[in-house]
Amino acid sequence: MSKDYLTINSCQVDQASGKVSTDGKGQFVVMINPANFNNSETICYNDDKSFGQAGQALKFGAVGPKKISFEIILDGTGVLNSPLVGNPVVEVKDQLTQLKNLVSKYEGSKHTPNVVQIVWGTFLFYGCMHAMTVKNTLFKSSGAPLRAKVNLSFTQYKTPQEIIKSANTNSPDLTHIIEVVAGDTLPLLCNKIYKNSAYYLQVAQINNLTNFRQLTPGIKLKFPPLR
């Protein structure tokens, strides 16, 4: 089998380490490589605004997960050469069942859809199916499909560890836990995180500080997003 064909492999997630790896339990190899392959990335912004406000400055919220989408062809006529050389012609409905079991079967014990690996040449992507659309284009006299076009889209899967690593821990849009060291003052810490020392009274209230003028080294303070 040529490695040049786009291939979808089933994966397992080690819950302890968060590591994702193929498990060898399922694989789908396309008959024809996609003619178009789309990658998309998004950045989310907070759009809260006051009543009557004419406009607002964009306020960064989060970096969204990457998404990919492509179209594949399922053929049951035998005209298209399958990468699985020597295999008999497989009915389109059976190919579709195999594909669905691989990419859209919900794992009740894990409370999540299957995580799959998509590999095509040097391209490697781990994700969960976002959407699938099937368009049957050729039929037997009985009405059974002989050929179908399947549009697939996947959302990138990230382990909790990867999400933490990719987060911008310097952003004032995220809650910070800071351990106080000798010489720290609340205005200085607010200036460091929010670029504005005037937030020190709000932070003192959030942390239930009765004496915010003298911070005890070793205590931990919360610095949540402030508007």
Protein backbone atom coordinates (compact mmCIF):
# COMPACT_ATOMS: atom_id res chain seq x y z
CA MET A 1 0.00 0.00 0.00
CA SER A 2 1.40 3.40 -0.97
CA LYS A 3 1.96 5.87 1.82
CA ASP A 4 0.97 8.64 -0.61
CA TYR A 5 -2.72 7.91 -0.12
CA LEU A 6 -4.51 9.95 2.53
CA THR A 7 -5.13 7.61 5.45
CA ILE A 8 -7.30 7.89 8.56
CA ASN A 9 -6.21 5.84 11.57
CA SER A 10 -8.00 5.19 14.86
CA CYS A 11 -6.24 6.43 17.99
CA GLN A 12 -6.19 5.92 21.72
CA VAL A 13 -5.62 8.58 24.37
CA ASP A 14 -3.65 7.76 27.50
CA GLN A 15 -5.69 9.57 30.14
CA ALA A 16 -2.80 9.72 32.58
CA SER A 17 -0.22 11.29 30.28
CA GLY A 18 -2.58 12.70 27.64
CA LYS A 19 -0.46 11.08 24.93
CA VAL A 20 -2.26 10.22 21.68
CA SER A 21 -1.16 7.26 19.57
CA THR A 22 -2.59 5.01 16.88
CA ASP A 23 -4.07 1.78 18.24
CA GLY A 24 -4.19 -0.35 15.07
CA LYS A 25 -7.91 -1.05 15.51
CA GLY A 26 -9.17 0.85 12.47
CA GLN A 27 -7.92 2.39 9.25
CA PHE A 28 -9.47 3.93 6.16
CA VAL A 29 -7.43 4.55 3.00
CA VAL A 30 -8.95 6.76 0.31
CA MET A 31 -9.24 5.53 -3.27
CA ILE A 32 -8.37 8.93 -4.75
CA ASN A 33 -6.51 11.66 -2.93
CA PRO A 34 -8.54 14.85 -2.36
CA ALA A 35 -8.46 17.47 -5.10
CA ASN A 36 -8.84 20.19 -2.45
CA PHE A 37 -7.61 20.26 1.12
CA ASN A 38 -8.54 23.13 3.42
CA ASN A 39 -6.86 24.34 6.61
CA SER A 40 -8.44 26.96 8.85
CA GLU A 41 -7.46 28.71 12.06
CA THR A 42 -9.53 31.11 14.18
CA ILE A 43 -8.98 33.73 16.85
CA CYS A 44 -11.90 34.46 19.17
CA TYR A 45 -12.61 37.92 20.56
CA ASN A 46 -14.82 39.00 23.44
CA ASP A 47 -17.69 41.09 22.06
CA ASP A 48 -19.24 42.35 25.30
CA LYS A 49 -20.35 45.96 25.05
CA SER A 50 -22.57 48.34 26.93
CA PHE A 51 -26.08 49.21 25.79
CA GLY A 52 -25.98 52.05 23.28
CA GLN A 53 -22.24 51.70 22.68
CA ALA A 54 -21.44 52.58 19.06
CA GLY A 55 -18.30 50.49 18.78
CA GLN A 56 -15.59 48.72 20.71
CA ALA A 57 -11.97 47.74 20.54
CA LEU A 58 -11.28 44.08 19.81
CA LYS A 59 -10.39 42.21 22.98
CA PHE A 60 -8.57 38.93 22.55
CA GLY A 61 -10.42 35.93 23.94
CA ALA A 62 -8.67 32.75 22.83
CA VAL A 63 -6.99 30.98 19.93
CA GLY A 64 -9.44 28.49 18.46
CA PRO A 65 -8.47 24.96 17.43
CA LYS A 66 -7.23 24.29 13.91
CA LYS A 67 -9.65 22.68 11.45
CA ILE A 68 -9.19 20.77 8.22
CA SER A 69 -11.69 19.72 5.57
CA PHE A 70 -11.56 17.72 2.35
CA GLU A 71 -13.69 15.63 -0.01
CA ILE A 72 -13.16 11.95 -0.76
CA ILE A 73 -14.83 9.59 -3.25
CA LEU A 74 -16.27 6.20 -2.37
CA ASP A 75 -16.63 3.90 -5.37
CA GLY A 76 -18.32 0.53 -5.64
CA THR A 77 -18.14 0.05 -9.42
CA GLY A 78 -14.66 -1.44 -9.48
CA VAL A 79 -13.59 1.18 -12.03
CA LEU A 80 -11.36 3.03 -9.56
CA ASN A 81 -8.24 1.20 -8.48
CA SER A 82 -8.24 0.73 -4.71
CA PRO A 83 -4.94 1.23 -2.86
CA LEU A 84 -5.76 -2.04 -1.13
CA VAL A 85 -4.51 -4.10 -4.06
CA GLY A 86 -6.08 -7.54 -4.40
CA ASN A 87 -9.16 -6.74 -2.34
CA PRO A 88 -12.59 -7.37 -3.89
CA VAL A 89 -14.93 -4.50 -4.71
CA VAL A 90 -16.60 -3.21 -1.55
CA GLU A 91 -20.15 -1.83 -1.62
CA VAL A 92 -20.38 1.93 -1.06
CA LYS A 93 -22.71 1.44 1.91
CA ASP A 94 -20.13 -0.85 3.54
CA GLN A 95 -17.33 1.62 2.88
CA LEU A 96 -19.46 4.34 4.44
CA THR A 97 -20.18 2.19 7.51
CA GLN A 98 -16.46 1.54 7.94
CA LEU A 99 -15.71 5.26 7.67
CA LYS A 100 -18.47 6.26 10.10
CA ASN A 101 -17.38 3.69 12.68
CA LEU A 102 -13.88 5.12 12.49
CA VAL A 103 -14.55 8.86 12.61
CA SER A 104 -17.97 9.41 14.17
CA LYS A 105 -18.59 6.61 16.66
CA TYR A 106 -19.24 8.10 20.09
CA GLU A 107 -17.27 6.52 22.92
CA GLY A 108 -19.73 6.47 25.83
CA SER A 109 -17.13 5.37 28.36
CA LYS A 110 -14.88 8.30 27.37
CA HIS A 111 -17.70 10.81 26.74
CA THR A 112 -16.05 11.92 23.51
CA PRO A 113 -16.04 11.04 19.80
CA ASN A 114 -13.15 9.01 18.44
CA VAL A 115 -9.81 10.74 18.08
CA VAL A 116 -8.23 9.92 14.72
CA GLN A 117 -4.92 10.46 13.00
CA ILE A 118 -4.98 11.84 9.46
CA VAL A 119 -1.79 11.36 7.51
CA TRP A 120 -1.00 12.27 3.92
CA GLY A 121 2.64 12.33 2.91
CA THR A 122 4.36 14.62 5.42
CA PHE A 123 1.05 16.02 6.73
CA LEU A 124 0.01 14.73 10.16
CA PHE A 125 -3.09 15.79 12.08
CA TYR A 126 -4.90 14.52 15.18
CA GLY A 127 -8.53 15.48 15.53
CA CYS A 128 -12.19 14.64 16.04
CA MET A 129 -14.78 14.75 13.28
CA HIS A 130 -16.67 18.03 13.11
CA ALA A 131 -19.02 17.25 10.21
CA MET A 132 -19.67 14.72 7.46
CA THR A 133 -21.82 15.24 4.36
CA VAL A 134 -22.52 12.38 1.93
CA LYS A 135 -23.68 12.99 -1.64
CA ASN A 136 -24.56 9.85 -3.63
CA THR A 137 -23.84 10.41 -7.33
CA LEU A 138 -24.34 7.02 -9.03
CA PHE A 139 -26.86 4.26 -8.35
CA LYS A 140 -27.73 0.67 -9.16
CA SER A 141 -31.14 -0.06 -10.66
CA SER A 142 -32.17 -1.13 -7.16
CA GLY A 143 -31.37 2.35 -5.85
CA ALA A 144 -28.26 1.25 -3.92
CA PRO A 145 -25.41 3.79 -4.28
CA LEU A 146 -22.51 2.94 -6.55
CA ARG A 147 -20.50 6.11 -5.95
CA ALA A 148 -20.55 8.84 -3.33
CA LYS A 149 -18.73 12.06 -2.51
CA VAL A 150 -18.03 12.54 1.19
CA ASN A 151 -17.11 15.92 2.62
CA LEU A 152 -15.29 15.61 5.93
CA SER A 153 -14.15 18.23 8.42
CA PHE A 154 -12.10 17.67 11.56
CA THR A 155 -11.30 19.81 14.57
CA GLN A 156 -7.83 19.52 16.05
CA TYR A 157 -7.53 17.44 19.22
CA LYS A 158 -5.30 18.77 21.97
CA THR A 159 -4.51 17.12 25.26
CA PRO A 160 -5.05 19.16 28.44
CA GLN A 161 -1.27 19.39 28.74
CA GLU A 162 -0.96 20.85 25.24
CA ILE A 163 -3.72 23.37 25.94
CA ILE A 164 -1.89 24.60 29.02
CA LYS A 165 1.40 24.86 27.14
CA SER A 166 -0.16 26.76 24.23
CA ALA A 167 -1.95 29.25 26.50
CA ASN A 168 -0.35 32.67 26.73
CA THR A 169 0.28 32.82 30.46
CA ASN A 170 1.22 36.50 30.21
CA SER A 171 -2.21 37.49 28.97
CA PRO A 172 -4.40 39.60 31.30
CA ASP A 173 -7.39 37.72 29.84
CA LEU A 174 -6.41 34.64 31.86
CA THR A 175 -6.59 34.10 35.61
CA HIS A 176 -3.14 34.08 37.20
CA ILE A 177 -2.08 32.60 40.53
CA ILE A 178 0.93 34.50 41.85
CA GLU A 179 3.00 33.53 44.88
CA VAL A 180 4.11 36.63 46.73
CA VAL A 181 7.84 37.14 47.29
CA ALA A 182 9.61 39.66 49.48
CA GLY A 183 9.31 43.17 48.08
CA ASP A 184 6.05 42.55 46.19
CA THR A 185 3.28 45.10 46.52
CA LEU A 186 -0.24 44.84 45.15
CA PRO A 187 0.09 47.89 42.84
CA LEU A 188 3.35 46.51 41.40
CA LEU A 189 1.80 43.08 40.76
CA CYS A 190 -1.26 44.69 39.13
CA ASN A 191 0.98 46.78 36.92
CA LYS A 192 2.91 43.64 35.92
CA ILE A 193 -0.20 41.67 34.96
CA TYR A 194 -2.74 44.29 33.87
CA LYS A 195 -0.32 47.09 32.89
CA ASN A 196 -2.32 49.23 35.28
CA SER A 197 -1.60 49.53 39.01
CA ALA A 198 -5.03 51.09 39.67
CA TYR A 199 -6.63 47.63 39.85
CA TYR A 200 -5.06 46.88 43.24
CA LEU A 201 -8.24 47.63 45.23
CA GLN A 202 -10.29 45.20 43.10
CA VAL A 203 -7.65 42.49 43.46
CA ALA A 204 -7.50 43.05 47.21
CA GLN A 205 -11.27 42.57 47.43
CA ILE A 206 -11.20 39.43 45.27
CA ASN A 207 -8.54 37.89 47.53
CA ASN A 208 -10.23 39.03 50.78
CA LEU A 209 -7.13 40.92 51.86
CA THR A 210 -7.62 42.91 55.06
CA ASN A 211 -4.15 44.47 54.90
CA PHE A 212 -3.15 44.79 51.26
CA ARG A 213 -0.37 47.27 52.06
CA GLN A 214 1.77 44.54 53.59
CA LEU A 215 1.81 41.29 51.62
CA THR A 216 3.12 38.21 53.38
CA PRO A 217 5.74 36.34 51.31
CA GLY A 218 4.51 32.86 50.34
CA ILE A 219 0.80 33.63 50.09
CA LYS A 220 -0.88 33.03 46.73
CA LEU A 221 -3.07 35.66 45.11
CA LYS A 222 -5.60 35.36 42.28
CA PHE A 223 -5.49 37.88 39.44
CA PRO A 224 -8.59 37.20 37.28
CA PRO A 225 -9.59 39.01 34.07
CA LEU A 226 -10.82 42.49 34.94
CA ARG A 227 -12.86 44.85 32.77
